[in-house]
């Protein structure tokens, strides 16, 4: 009985303090695709030099893990990290594809952001990694496909100081508190607050909301527009500013920290002398139903299993909570039985 009691207590300790930490890490080889739809948007058409309303936007995000870089950086930093290359393409056509010839600028998407992020494998927080020399494993951000346009972290640069806060996921065991979450447009993190519990397709989630205040977007070079567009009819071109604000809502599965659903209410303008003159983008854009269902139930895309966080959360909860609890209770009951048999009054 004593031997069995020791065994079950050992199982509880191993499950909670070894198996759970081993499993509660972001997979370094993860591949994920999300599609967001923004119906009835207003945009500024560069080709037509005017605002267009009633536009249907689609944003497609691809996330791909770099296992070799993750192993290399984990060893260098002596901590478990994951490395993800992400790309978000937004356009007013579905299933947008880049043109074969980069010189066809009129066929480029409305928006494109490409990033490499290094994240703590347990918490999902950004980890600074900017190696010197010819090592290209470091983080960056870019708005074109050209490698020469990639911005690497620079603390003295207004364009990109490095990733910070949470970027692609929340911590395992997400708490009902305020975190910092990354905004790729302004290239810095802002507080995101817990609002409430909810359910998405039967899955319990935590709802977080982030208010990104209106401010000017950092630009690598001046933004010029024809003078008549900003009430300067006598000037061929004038320098303007681009402003941006956003209300971001995320539905998080708390055990895994996975983002099940996301929504953004974006409002970007073209301002001149501090006054908004044109709407650059105004849209409410959110994960489409297929993406949400995939994140909850799971699906296969291009032969690779994605999502399925309902079952993953259940498995992780079993290993991290129910197995340790059950084994500990059985072990203590066995010890109690031995003690009762040993010390009970004898006739």
C-alpha atoms as a PDB file:
ATOM      1  CA  UNK A   1       0.000   0.000   0.000  1.00  0.00           C
ATOM      2  CA  UNK A   2       2.829   2.394   0.855  1.00  0.00           C
ATOM      3  CA  UNK A   3       4.543   1.565  -2.428  1.00  0.00           C
ATOM      4  CA  UNK A   4       1.358   2.255  -4.395  1.00  0.00           C
ATOM      5  CA  UNK A   5       0.872   5.523  -2.522  1.00  0.00           C
ATOM      6  CA  UNK A   6       4.419   6.642  -3.404  1.00  0.00           C
ATOM      7  CA  UNK A   7       3.800   5.653  -7.025  1.00  0.00           C
ATOM      8  CA  UNK A   8       0.620   7.704  -7.401  1.00  0.00           C
ATOM      9  CA  UNK A   9       2.107  10.761  -5.676  1.00  0.00           C
ATOM     10  CA  UNK A  10       5.083  10.437  -8.017  1.00  0.00           C
ATOM     11  CA  UNK A  11       2.744  10.300 -11.024  1.00  0.00           C
ATOM     12  CA  UNK A  12       1.044  13.486  -9.804  1.00  0.00           C
ATOM     13  CA  UNK A  13       4.370  15.295  -9.428  1.00  0.00           C
ATOM     14  CA  UNK A  14       5.687  14.123 -12.803  1.00  0.00           C
ATOM     15  CA  UNK A  15       2.491  15.087 -14.627  1.00  0.00           C
ATOM     16  CA  UNK A  16       2.315  18.562 -13.087  1.00  0.00           C
ATOM     17  CA  UNK A  17       5.972  19.554 -12.951  1.00  0.00           C
ATOM     18  CA  UNK A  18       7.468  17.670 -15.902  1.00  0.00           C
ATOM     19  CA  UNK A  19       4.867  16.532 -18.438  1.00  0.00           C
ATOM     20  CA  UNK A  20       2.815  19.751 -18.373  1.00  0.00           C
ATOM     21  CA  UNK A  21       5.783  22.178 -18.787  1.00  0.00           C
ATOM     22  CA  UNK A  22       7.119  19.947 -21.559  1.00  0.00           C
ATOM     23  CA  UNK A  23       3.818  20.012 -23.461  1.00  0.00           C
ATOM     24  CA  UNK A  24       2.847  23.637 -22.730  1.00  0.00           C
ATOM     25  CA  UNK A  25       5.128  25.133 -25.386  1.00  0.00           C
ATOM     26  CA  UNK A  26       4.354  26.655 -28.758  1.00  0.00           C
ATOM     27  CA  UNK A  27       5.317  24.188 -31.532  1.00  0.00           C
ATOM     28  CA  UNK A  28       8.388  25.396 -33.398  1.00  0.00           C
ATOM     29  CA  UNK A  29       7.185  23.863 -36.686  1.00  0.00           C
ATOM     30  CA  UNK A  30       3.693  25.384 -36.589  1.00  0.00           C
ATOM     31  CA  UNK A  31       2.000  26.455 -39.814  1.00  0.00           C
ATOM     32  CA  UNK A  32      -1.222  28.459 -39.671  1.00  0.00           C
ATOM     33  CA  UNK A  33      -3.458  30.335 -42.097  1.00  0.00           C
ATOM     34  CA  UNK A  34      -6.208  32.783 -41.226  1.00  0.00           C
ATOM     35  CA  UNK A  35      -8.633  34.686 -43.426  1.00  0.00           C
ATOM     36  CA  UNK A  36     -10.354  37.890 -42.304  1.00  0.00           C
ATOM     37  CA  UNK A  37     -13.237  39.590 -44.107  1.00  0.00           C
ATOM     38  CA  UNK A  38     -14.014  43.302 -44.050  1.00  0.00           C
ATOM     39  CA  UNK A  39     -17.270  44.056 -45.876  1.00  0.00           C
ATOM     40  CA  UNK A  40     -18.482  47.568 -46.666  1.00  0.00           C
ATOM     41  CA  UNK A  41     -15.076  49.207 -46.191  1.00  0.00           C
ATOM     42  CA  UNK A  42     -13.996  52.669 -47.282  1.00  0.00           C
ATOM     43  CA  UNK A  43     -10.534  53.004 -48.791  1.00  0.00           C
ATOM     44  CA  UNK A  44      -8.500  55.576 -50.678  1.00  0.00           C
ATOM     45  CA  UNK A  45      -7.744  54.349 -54.174  1.00  0.00           C
ATOM     46  CA  UNK A  46      -4.245  55.408 -55.244  1.00  0.00           C
ATOM     47  CA  UNK A  47      -4.974  54.452 -58.848  1.00  0.00           C
ATOM     48  CA  UNK A  48      -8.113  56.612 -59.000  1.00  0.00           C
ATOM     49  CA  UNK A  49      -6.978  59.243 -56.436  1.00  0.00           C
ATOM     50  CA  UNK A  50     -10.308  59.177 -54.619  1.00  0.00           C
ATOM     51  CA  UNK A  51     -12.182  57.536 -51.774  1.00  0.00           C
ATOM     52  CA  UNK A  52     -14.128  54.355 -52.564  1.00  0.00           C
ATOM     53  CA  UNK A  53     -16.889  52.997 -50.341  1.00  0.00           C
ATOM     54  CA  UNK A  54     -18.678  49.664 -50.268  1.00  0.00           C
ATOM     55  CA  UNK A  55     -15.387  47.800 -50.812  1.00  0.00           C
ATOM     56  CA  UNK A  56     -15.014  44.223 -49.541  1.00  0.00           C
ATOM     57  CA  UNK A  57     -11.553  43.664 -48.081  1.00  0.00           C
ATOM     58  CA  UNK A  58      -9.894  40.333 -47.417  1.00  0.00           C
ATOM     59  CA  UNK A  59      -6.790  39.867 -45.243  1.00  0.00           C
ATOM     60  CA  UNK A  60      -4.896  36.581 -45.448  1.00  0.00           C
ATOM     61  CA  UNK A  61      -2.277  35.781 -42.806  1.00  0.00           C
ATOM     62  CA  UNK A  62       0.318  33.020 -43.076  1.00  0.00           C
ATOM     63  CA  UNK A  63       2.431  31.954 -40.093  1.00  0.00           C
ATOM     64  CA  UNK A  64       5.301  29.523 -40.584  1.00  0.00           C
ATOM     65  CA  UNK A  65       7.755  28.307 -37.947  1.00  0.00           C
ATOM     66  CA  UNK A  66      11.521  28.194 -38.523  1.00  0.00           C
ATOM     67  CA  UNK A  67      12.729  25.176 -36.535  1.00  0.00           C
ATOM     68  CA  UNK A  68      16.444  25.598 -37.294  1.00  0.00           C
ATOM     69  CA  UNK A  69      16.431  29.252 -36.196  1.00  0.00           C
ATOM     70  CA  UNK A  70      14.439  28.396 -33.056  1.00  0.00           C
ATOM     71  CA  UNK A  71      16.966  25.731 -32.026  1.00  0.00           C
ATOM     72  CA  UNK A  72      19.875  28.066 -32.703  1.00  0.00           C
ATOM     73  CA  UNK A  73      18.434  31.024 -30.786  1.00  0.00           C
ATOM     74  CA  UNK A  74      17.209  28.832 -27.907  1.00  0.00           C
ATOM     75  CA  UNK A  75      20.747  27.532 -27.443  1.00  0.00           C
ATOM     76  CA  UNK A  76      22.261  31.014 -27.655  1.00  0.00           C
ATOM     77  CA  UNK A  77      19.814  32.522 -25.147  1.00  0.00           C
ATOM     78  CA  UNK A  78      19.583  29.423 -22.929  1.00  0.00           C
ATOM     79  CA  UNK A  79      15.772  29.572 -23.017  1.00  0.00           C
ATOM     80  CA  UNK A  80      13.090  27.932 -25.116  1.00  0.00           C
ATOM     81  CA  UNK A  81      11.982  30.203 -27.951  1.00  0.00           C
ATOM     82  CA  UNK A  82      10.125  29.789 -31.238  1.00  0.00           C
ATOM     83  CA  UNK A  83      10.678  31.740 -34.454  1.00  0.00           C
ATOM     84  CA  UNK A  84       7.820  32.565 -36.811  1.00  0.00           C
ATOM     85  CA  UNK A  85       7.767  34.216 -40.213  1.00  0.00           C
ATOM     86  CA  UNK A  86       4.440  35.961 -40.789  1.00  0.00           C
ATOM     87  CA  UNK A  87       2.896  37.686 -43.777  1.00  0.00           C
ATOM     88  CA  UNK A  88      -0.413  39.545 -43.962  1.00  0.00           C
ATOM     89  CA  UNK A  89      -1.802  40.505 -47.373  1.00  0.00           C
ATOM     90  CA  UNK A  90      -4.869  42.756 -47.545  1.00  0.00           C
ATOM     91  CA  UNK A  91      -6.646  43.508 -50.802  1.00  0.00           C
ATOM     92  CA  UNK A  92     -10.072  44.123 -52.308  1.00  0.00           C
ATOM     93  CA  UNK A  93      -9.889  40.894 -54.322  1.00  0.00           C
ATOM     94  CA  UNK A  94     -10.286  37.384 -52.920  1.00  0.00           C
ATOM     95  CA  UNK A  95      -7.355  34.967 -52.912  1.00  0.00           C
ATOM     96  CA  UNK A  96      -4.949  37.699 -54.001  1.00  0.00           C
ATOM     97  CA  UNK A  97      -1.716  36.539 -55.656  1.00  0.00           C
ATOM     98  CA  UNK A  98       1.394  38.681 -56.104  1.00  0.00           C
ATOM     99  CA  UNK A  99       2.296  39.446 -59.753  1.00  0.00           C
ATOM    100  CA  UNK A 100       5.264  37.598 -61.245  1.00  0.00           C
ATOM    101  CA  UNK A 101       6.892  40.911 -62.138  1.00  0.00           C
ATOM    102  CA  UNK A 102       7.573  43.227 -59.167  1.00  0.00           C
ATOM    103  CA  UNK A 103       7.599  46.215 -61.533  1.00  0.00           C
ATOM    104  CA  UNK A 104       3.812  45.877 -61.942  1.00  0.00           C
ATOM    105  CA  UNK A 105       3.152  48.239 -59.046  1.00  0.00           C
ATOM    106  CA  UNK A 106      -0.472  48.746 -60.041  1.00  0.00           C
ATOM    107  CA  UNK A 107      -1.080  45.048 -59.293  1.00  0.00           C
ATOM    108  CA  UNK A 108       0.386  45.176 -55.788  1.00  0.00           C
ATOM    109  CA  UNK A 109      -1.975  44.588 -52.823  1.00  0.00           C
ATOM    110  CA  UNK A 110      -3.540  47.415 -50.864  1.00  0.00           C
ATOM    111  CA  UNK A 111      -1.483  46.441 -47.835  1.00  0.00           C
ATOM    112  CA  UNK A 112       1.324  44.010 -47.089  1.00  0.00           C
ATOM    113  CA  UNK A 113       3.269  43.376 -43.868  1.00  0.00           C
ATOM    114  CA  UNK A 114       5.947  40.748 -43.443  1.00  0.00           C
ATOM    115  CA  UNK A 115       7.596  40.051 -40.074  1.00  0.00           C
ATOM    116  CA  UNK A 116       9.949  37.661 -38.345  1.00  0.00           C
ATOM    117  CA  UNK A 117       9.299  37.356 -34.614  1.00  0.00           C
ATOM    118  CA  UNK A 118      11.115  35.515 -31.843  1.00  0.00           C
ATOM    119  CA  UNK A 119       8.775  34.481 -29.027  1.00  0.00           C
ATOM    120  CA  UNK A 120       9.139  32.853 -25.641  1.00  0.00           C
ATOM    121  CA  UNK A 121       7.731  29.360 -26.213  1.00  0.00           C
ATOM    122  CA  UNK A 122       5.781  29.393 -22.923  1.00  0.00           C
ATOM    123  CA  UNK A 123       4.502  32.958 -22.537  1.00  0.00           C
ATOM    124  CA  UNK A 124       4.239  34.081 -26.174  1.00  0.00           C
ATOM    125  CA  UNK A 125       6.093  37.311 -25.354  1.00  0.00           C
ATOM    126  CA  UNK A 126       8.483  38.825 -27.874  1.00  0.00           C
ATOM    127  CA  UNK A 127      12.183  38.148 -27.340  1.00  0.00           C
ATOM    128  CA  UNK A 128      14.763  40.560 -28.728  1.00  0.00           C
ATOM    129  CA  UNK A 129      17.177  38.888 -31.132  1.00  0.00           C
ATOM    130  CA  UNK A 130      19.245  41.042 -33.480  1.00  0.00           C
ATOM    131  CA  UNK A 131      22.498  39.249 -34.366  1.00  0.00           C
ATOM    132  CA  UNK A 132      25.302  41.051 -36.162  1.00  0.00           C
ATOM    133  CA  UNK A 133      27.100  40.216 -39.376  1.00  0.00           C
ATOM    134  CA  UNK A 134      25.624  37.883 -41.979  1.00  0.00           C
ATOM    135  CA  UNK A 135      23.290  36.135 -39.515  1.00  0.00           C
ATOM    136  CA  UNK A 136      19.768  36.676 -40.901  1.00  0.00           C
ATOM    137  CA  UNK A 137      17.914  34.841 -38.138  1.00  0.00           C
ATOM    138  CA  UNK A 138      16.996  38.078 -36.348  1.00  0.00           C
ATOM    139  CA  UNK A 139      13.608  39.771 -36.155  1.00  0.00           C
ATOM    140  CA  UNK A 140      12.519  42.295 -38.785  1.00  0.00           C
ATOM    141  CA  UNK A 141       9.479  43.991 -40.317  1.00  0.00           C
ATOM    142  CA  UNK A 142       8.874  44.950 -43.947  1.00  0.00           C
ATOM    143  CA  UNK A 143       6.092  46.238 -46.182  1.00  0.00           C
ATOM    144  CA  UNK A 144       7.530  44.898 -49.460  1.00  0.00           C
ATOM    145  CA  UNK A 145       8.900  41.579 -50.683  1.00  0.00           C
ATOM    146  CA  UNK A 146      12.378  43.060 -51.178  1.00  0.00           C
ATOM    147  CA  UNK A 147      14.878  41.767 -48.602  1.00  0.00           C
ATOM    148  CA  UNK A 148      16.717  45.101 -48.751  1.00  0.00           C
ATOM    149  CA  UNK A 149      13.599  46.824 -47.366  1.00  0.00           C
ATOM    150  CA  UNK A 150      13.518  44.758 -44.193  1.00  0.00           C
ATOM    151  CA  UNK A 151      13.867  46.895 -41.075  1.00  0.00           C
ATOM    152  CA  UNK A 152      15.913  45.375 -38.251  1.00  0.00           C
ATOM    153  CA  UNK A 153      15.594  46.570 -34.633  1.00  0.00           C
ATOM    154  CA  UNK A 154      17.211  49.922 -33.924  1.00  0.00           C
ATOM    155  CA  UNK A 155      16.574  51.661 -30.613  1.00  0.00           C
ATOM    156  CA  UNK A 156      17.371  55.027 -32.217  1.00  0.00           C
ATOM    157  CA  UNK A 157      14.986  54.556 -35.142  1.00  0.00           C
ATOM    158  CA  UNK A 158      11.407  55.873 -35.097  1.00  0.00           C
ATOM    159  CA  UNK A 159      10.428  53.142 -37.577  1.00  0.00           C
ATOM    160  CA  UNK A 160      11.198  49.893 -35.715  1.00  0.00           C
ATOM    161  CA  UNK A 161      12.770  49.420 -32.316  1.00  0.00           C
ATOM    162  CA  UNK A 162      11.945  45.703 -32.124  1.00  0.00           C
ATOM    163  CA  UNK A 163       8.935  43.568 -31.265  1.00  0.00           C
ATOM    164  CA  UNK A 164       7.487  43.826 -27.774  1.00  0.00           C
ATOM    165  CA  UNK A 165       4.619  42.355 -25.772  1.00  0.00           C
ATOM    166  CA  UNK A 166       2.480  39.497 -27.047  1.00  0.00           C
ATOM    167  CA  UNK A 167       2.464  39.075 -30.823  1.00  0.00           C
ATOM    168  CA  UNK A 168       0.802  35.892 -32.110  1.00  0.00           C
ATOM    169  CA  UNK A 169      -0.550  34.187 -28.995  1.00  0.00           C
ATOM    170  CA  UNK A 170      -1.226  34.595 -25.288  1.00  0.00           C
ATOM    171  CA  UNK A 171       0.510  32.672 -22.484  1.00  0.00           C
ATOM    172  CA  UNK A 172      -0.419  29.110 -21.616  1.00  0.00           C
ATOM    173  CA  UNK A 173      -2.801  29.546 -18.717  1.00  0.00           C
ATOM    174  CA  UNK A 174      -3.989  33.001 -19.790  1.00  0.00           C
ATOM    175  CA  UNK A 175      -5.143  35.106 -16.846  1.00  0.00           C
ATOM    176  CA  UNK A 176      -7.980  37.600 -16.562  1.00  0.00           C
ATOM    177  CA  UNK A 177      -5.718  40.644 -16.564  1.00  0.00           C
ATOM    178  CA  UNK A 178      -4.185  43.294 -18.815  1.00  0.00           C
ATOM    179  CA  UNK A 179      -1.348  42.330 -21.168  1.00  0.00           C
ATOM    180  CA  UNK A 180       0.616  44.276 -23.798  1.00  0.00           C
ATOM    181  CA  UNK A 181      -0.161  43.267 -27.395  1.00  0.00           C
ATOM    182  CA  UNK A 182       1.770  44.173 -30.540  1.00  0.00           C
ATOM    183  CA  UNK A 183       0.389  46.474 -33.247  1.00  0.00           C
ATOM    184  CA  UNK A 184       2.180  46.040 -36.588  1.00  0.00           C
ATOM    185  CA  UNK A 185       0.989  49.361 -38.049  1.00  0.00           C
ATOM    186  CA  UNK A 186       2.418  51.559 -35.290  1.00  0.00           C
ATOM    187  CA  UNK A 187       5.139  49.000 -34.485  1.00  0.00           C
ATOM    188  CA  UNK A 188       4.749  49.009 -30.732  1.00  0.00           C
ATOM    189  CA  UNK A 189       2.655  47.308 -28.070  1.00  0.00           C
ATOM    190  CA  UNK A 190      -0.422  48.713 -26.336  1.00  0.00           C
ATOM    191  CA  UNK A 191      -2.389  47.411 -23.321  1.00  0.00           C
ATOM    192  CA  UNK A 192      -5.095  44.861 -24.050  1.00  0.00           C
ATOM    193  CA  UNK A 193      -7.624  44.326 -21.256  1.00  0.00           C
ATOM    194  CA  UNK A 194      -9.662  41.311 -20.207  1.00  0.00           C
ATOM    195  CA  UNK A 195     -13.360  42.084 -20.662  1.00  0.00           C
ATOM    196  CA  UNK A 196     -15.414  38.922 -20.131  1.00  0.00           C
ATOM    197  CA  UNK A 197     -15.791  35.198 -20.555  1.00  0.00           C
ATOM    198  CA  UNK A 198     -17.668  33.945 -23.616  1.00  0.00           C
ATOM    199  CA  UNK A 199     -18.141  30.861 -25.768  1.00  0.00           C
ATOM    200  CA  UNK A 200     -17.251  30.422 -29.426  1.00  0.00           C
ATOM    201  CA  UNK A 201     -18.778  27.337 -31.053  1.00  0.00           C
ATOM    202  CA  UNK A 202     -19.050  25.720 -27.629  1.00  0.00           C
ATOM    203  CA  UNK A 203     -15.474  26.567 -26.575  1.00  0.00           C
ATOM    204  CA  UNK A 204     -14.914  28.732 -23.484  1.00  0.00           C
ATOM    205  CA  UNK A 205     -12.816  31.795 -24.302  1.00  0.00           C
ATOM    206  CA  UNK A 206     -11.609  34.995 -22.665  1.00  0.00           C
ATOM    207  CA  UNK A 207     -12.427  38.210 -24.528  1.00  0.00           C
ATOM    208  CA  UNK A 208      -9.747  40.916 -24.573  1.00  0.00           C
ATOM    209  CA  UNK A 209     -10.063  44.420 -26.014  1.00  0.00           C
ATOM    210  CA  UNK A 210      -7.353  46.894 -27.015  1.00  0.00           C
ATOM    211  CA  UNK A 211      -7.764  50.568 -27.793  1.00  0.00           C
ATOM    212  CA  UNK A 212      -4.977  51.862 -30.031  1.00  0.00           C
ATOM    213  CA  UNK A 213      -5.192  55.670 -29.780  1.00  0.00           C
ATOM    214  CA  UNK A 214      -5.068  57.829 -32.878  1.00  0.00           C
ATOM    215  CA  UNK A 215      -1.554  58.853 -33.872  1.00  0.00           C
ATOM    216  CA  UNK A 216       0.663  59.342 -36.884  1.00  0.00           C
ATOM    217  CA  UNK A 217       2.048  56.254 -38.610  1.00  0.00           C
ATOM    218  CA  UNK A 218       5.878  56.156 -38.851  1.00  0.00           C
ATOM    219  CA  UNK A 219       6.964  56.393 -42.504  1.00  0.00           C
ATOM    220  CA  UNK A 220      10.311  55.623 -44.100  1.00  0.00           C
ATOM    221  CA  UNK A 221       9.886  58.467 -46.605  1.00  0.00           C
ATOM    222  CA  UNK A 222       7.505  61.436 -46.937  1.00  0.00           C
ATOM    223  CA  UNK A 223       3.998  60.718 -48.206  1.00  0.00           C
ATOM    224  CA  UNK A 224       3.111  63.032 -51.092  1.00  0.00           C
ATOM    225  CA  UNK A 225      -0.320  63.598 -52.677  1.00  0.00           C
ATOM    226  CA  UNK A 226      -1.617  66.061 -55.312  1.00  0.00           C
ATOM    227  CA  UNK A 227      -2.430  69.416 -53.727  1.00  0.00           C
ATOM    228  CA  UNK A 228      -6.092  69.564 -54.849  1.00  0.00           C
ATOM    229  CA  UNK A 229      -6.859  66.440 -52.761  1.00  0.00           C
ATOM    230  CA  UNK A 230      -6.117  68.359 -49.552  1.00  0.00           C
ATOM    231  CA  UNK A 231      -7.531  71.754 -50.571  1.00  0.00           C
ATOM    232  CA  UNK A 232      -4.284  73.082 -52.038  1.00  0.00           C
ATOM    233  CA  UNK A 233      -5.313  73.570 -55.696  1.00  0.00           C
ATOM    234  CA  UNK A 234      -2.254  75.615 -56.595  1.00  0.00           C
ATOM    235  CA  UNK A 235       0.289  72.941 -55.683  1.00  0.00           C
ATOM    236  CA  UNK A 236       1.184  69.846 -57.673  1.00  0.00           C
ATOM    237  CA  UNK A 237       2.197  67.823 -54.603  1.00  0.00           C
ATOM    238  CA  UNK A 238       2.185  68.350 -50.849  1.00  0.00           C
ATOM    239  CA  UNK A 239       3.501  66.281 -47.950  1.00  0.00           C
ATOM    240  CA  UNK A 240       0.781  64.714 -45.803  1.00  0.00           C
ATOM    241  CA  UNK A 241       0.622  62.552 -42.705  1.00  0.00           C
ATOM    242  CA  UNK A 242      -1.035  59.174 -42.272  1.00  0.00           C
ATOM    243  CA  UNK A 243      -2.956  58.684 -39.009  1.00  0.00           C
ATOM    244  CA  UNK A 244      -4.300  55.452 -37.572  1.00  0.00           C
ATOM    245  CA  UNK A 245      -6.417  54.182 -34.702  1.00  0.00           C
ATOM    246  CA  UNK A 246      -7.847  50.759 -33.976  1.00  0.00           C
ATOM    247  CA  UNK A 247     -10.098  48.863 -31.603  1.00  0.00           C
ATOM    248  CA  UNK A 248      -8.860  45.273 -31.505  1.00  0.00           C
ATOM    249  CA  UNK A 249     -10.893  42.453 -29.937  1.00  0.00           C
ATOM    250  CA  UNK A 250      -9.433  38.974 -29.426  1.00  0.00           C
ATOM    251  CA  UNK A 251     -11.156  35.788 -28.281  1.00  0.00           C
ATOM    252  CA  UNK A 252      -8.544  33.660 -26.467  1.00  0.00           C
ATOM    253  CA  UNK A 253      -8.676  29.996 -25.474  1.00  0.00           C
ATOM    254  CA  UNK A 254      -7.149  30.368 -21.966  1.00  0.00           C
ATOM    255  CA  UNK A 255      -5.469  26.960 -21.490  1.00  0.00           C
ATOM    256  CA  UNK A 256      -3.388  27.137 -24.697  1.00  0.00           C
ATOM    257  CA  UNK A 257      -3.395  30.931 -25.153  1.00  0.00           C
ATOM    258  CA  UNK A 258      -4.458  30.498 -28.781  1.00  0.00           C
ATOM    259  CA  UNK A 259      -6.287  33.262 -30.630  1.00  0.00           C
ATOM    260  CA  UNK A 260      -9.581  31.691 -31.719  1.00  0.00           C
ATOM    261  CA  UNK A 261     -11.117  34.804 -33.247  1.00  0.00           C
ATOM    262  CA  UNK A 262      -9.923  38.331 -33.960  1.00  0.00           C
ATOM    263  CA  UNK A 263     -11.622  41.546 -34.996  1.00  0.00           C
ATOM    264  CA  UNK A 264     -10.309  45.036 -35.741  1.00  0.00           C
ATOM    265  CA  UNK A 265     -12.136  48.327 -36.212  1.00  0.00           C
ATOM    266  CA  UNK A 266      -9.560  50.338 -38.132  1.00  0.00           C
ATOM    267  CA  UNK A 267      -9.733  53.993 -39.073  1.00  0.00           C
ATOM    268  CA  UNK A 268      -6.811  55.507 -40.969  1.00  0.00           C
ATOM    269  CA  UNK A 269      -6.759  58.977 -42.510  1.00  0.00           C
ATOM    270  CA  UNK A 270      -4.603  61.226 -44.660  1.00  0.00           C
ATOM    271  CA  UNK A 271      -4.033  64.453 -42.744  1.00  0.00           C
ATOM    272  CA  UNK A 272      -2.590  67.781 -43.847  1.00  0.00           C
ATOM    273  CA  UNK A 273      -1.330  70.356 -41.371  1.00  0.00           C
ATOM    274  CA  UNK A 274      -2.829  68.316 -38.537  1.00  0.00           C
ATOM    275  CA  UNK A 275      -6.316  68.125 -40.081  1.00  0.00           C
ATOM    276  CA  UNK A 276      -7.877  64.946 -41.489  1.00  0.00           C
ATOM    277  CA  UNK A 277      -8.593  65.413 -45.189  1.00  0.00           C
ATOM    278  CA  UNK A 278      -9.219  61.924 -46.587  1.00  0.00           C
ATOM    279  CA  UNK A 279     -10.170  58.494 -45.306  1.00  0.00           C
ATOM    280  CA  UNK A 280      -7.373  56.060 -46.067  1.00  0.00           C
ATOM    281  CA  UNK A 281      -9.113  53.029 -44.557  1.00  0.00           C
ATOM    282  CA  UNK A 282     -12.257  52.575 -42.506  1.00  0.00           C
ATOM    283  CA  UNK A 283     -13.292  48.977 -41.909  1.00  0.00           C
ATOM    284  CA  UNK A 284     -14.421  46.400 -39.387  1.00  0.00           C
ATOM    285  CA  UNK A 285     -12.509  43.268 -40.332  1.00  0.00           C
ATOM    286  CA  UNK A 286     -12.730  39.900 -38.555  1.00  0.00           C
ATOM    287  CA  UNK A 287     -11.845  36.214 -38.940  1.00  0.00           C
ATOM    288  CA  UNK A 288     -14.278  34.531 -41.291  1.00  0.00           C
ATOM    289  CA  UNK A 289     -16.460  31.651 -40.090  1.00  0.00           C
ATOM    290  CA  UNK A 290     -14.256  28.981 -41.672  1.00  0.00           C
ATOM    291  CA  UNK A 291     -11.174  30.257 -39.846  1.00  0.00           C
ATOM    292  CA  UNK A 292     -12.993  30.328 -36.496  1.00  0.00           C
ATOM    293  CA  UNK A 293     -14.331  26.804 -36.996  1.00  0.00           C
ATOM    294  CA  UNK A 294     -10.872  25.566 -37.958  1.00  0.00           C
ATOM    295  CA  UNK A 295      -9.363  27.113 -34.839  1.00  0.00           C
ATOM    296  CA  UNK A 296     -11.975  25.424 -32.637  1.00  0.00           C
ATOM    297  CA  UNK A 297     -12.522  22.043 -34.298  1.00  0.00           C
ATOM    298  CA  UNK A 298      -9.415  21.683 -36.474  1.00  0.00           C
ATOM    299  CA  UNK A 299      -8.983  21.189 -40.210  1.00  0.00           C
ATOM    300  CA  UNK A 300      -6.380  20.163 -42.766  1.00  0.00           C
ATOM    301  CA  UNK A 301      -4.973  22.744 -45.159  1.00  0.00           C
ATOM    302  CA  UNK A 302      -2.463  21.785 -47.848  1.00  0.00           C
ATOM    303  CA  UNK A 303      -2.023  18.434 -46.115  1.00  0.00           C
ATOM    304  CA  UNK A 304      -1.157  19.997 -42.741  1.00  0.00           C
ATOM    305  CA  UNK A 305      -3.403  19.843 -39.667  1.00  0.00           C
ATOM    306  CA  UNK A 306      -4.199  23.281 -38.246  1.00  0.00           C
ATOM    307  CA  UNK A 307      -6.210  24.636 -35.330  1.00  0.00           C
ATOM    308  CA  UNK A 308      -8.214  22.191 -33.245  1.00  0.00           C
ATOM    309  CA  UNK A 309      -7.637  24.055 -29.992  1.00  0.00           C
ATOM    310  CA  UNK A 310     -10.722  22.584 -28.328  1.00  0.00           C
ATOM    311  CA  UNK A 311      -9.157  19.120 -28.209  1.00  0.00           C
ATOM    312  CA  UNK A 312      -5.653  20.478 -27.535  1.00  0.00           C
ATOM    313  CA  UNK A 313      -6.927  22.451 -24.549  1.00  0.00           C
ATOM    314  CA  UNK A 314      -8.739  19.382 -23.204  1.00  0.00           C
ATOM    315  CA  UNK A 315      -5.593  17.243 -23.489  1.00  0.00           C
ATOM    316  CA  UNK A 316      -3.410  19.874 -21.857  1.00  0.00           C
ATOM    317  CA  UNK A 317      -5.941  20.392 -19.060  1.00  0.00           C
ATOM    318  CA  UNK A 318      -6.009  16.636 -18.467  1.00  0.00           C
ATOM    319  CA  UNK A 319      -2.223  16.450 -18.092  1.00  0.00           C
ATOM    320  CA  UNK A 320      -1.840  19.696 -16.156  1.00  0.00           C
ATOM    321  CA  UNK A 321      -4.798  19.437 -13.771  1.00  0.00           C
ATOM    322  CA  UNK A 322      -6.909  16.287 -13.694  1.00  0.00           C
ATOM    323  CA  UNK A 323      -4.141  13.647 -13.833  1.00  0.00           C
ATOM    324  CA  UNK A 324      -2.081  15.321 -11.058  1.00  0.00           C
ATOM    325  CA  UNK A 325      -5.171  15.886  -8.940  1.00  0.00           C
ATOM    326  CA  UNK A 326      -6.528  12.351  -9.369  1.00  0.00           C
ATOM    327  CA  UNK A 327      -3.159  10.680  -8.775  1.00  0.00           C
ATOM    328  CA  UNK A 328      -2.491  12.823  -5.697  1.00  0.00           C
ATOM    329  CA  UNK A 329      -5.910  12.005  -4.194  1.00  0.00           C
ATOM    330  CA  UNK A 330      -5.411   8.254  -4.770  1.00  0.00           C
ATOM    331  CA  UNK A 331      -1.913   8.405  -3.275  1.00  0.00           C
ATOM    332  CA  UNK A 332      -3.094  10.281  -0.170  1.00  0.00           C
ATOM    333  CA  UNK A 333      -6.027   7.882   0.286  1.00  0.00           C
ATOM    334  CA  UNK A 334      -3.612   4.935   0.201  1.00  0.00           C
ATOM    335  CA  UNK A 335      -1.372   6.600   2.790  1.00  0.00           C
ATOM    336  CA  UNK A 336      -4.436   7.328   4.908  1.00  0.00           C
ATOM    337  CA  UNK A 337      -5.586   3.717   4.696  1.00  0.00           C
ATOM    338  CA  UNK A 338      -2.149   2.472   5.758  1.00  0.00           C
ATOM    339  CA  UNK A 339      -2.126   4.912   8.658  1.00  0.00           C
ATOM    340  CA  UNK A 340      -5.613   3.837   9.749  1.00  0.00           C
ATOM    341  CA  UNK A 341      -4.660   0.158   9.623  1.00  0.00           C
ATOM    342  CA  UNK A 342      -1.429   0.787  11.492  1.00  0.00           C
ATOM    343  CA  UNK A 343      -2.751   2.919  14.313  1.00  0.00           C
ATOM    344  CA  UNK A 344      -6.315   1.711  14.849  1.00  0.00           C
ATOM    345  CA  UNK A 345      -7.066   0.307  18.316  1.00  0.00           C
ATOM    346  CA  UNK A 346      -6.484  -3.445  18.593  1.00  0.00           C
ATOM    347  CA  UNK A 347      -8.554  -5.900  20.702  1.00  0.00           C
END
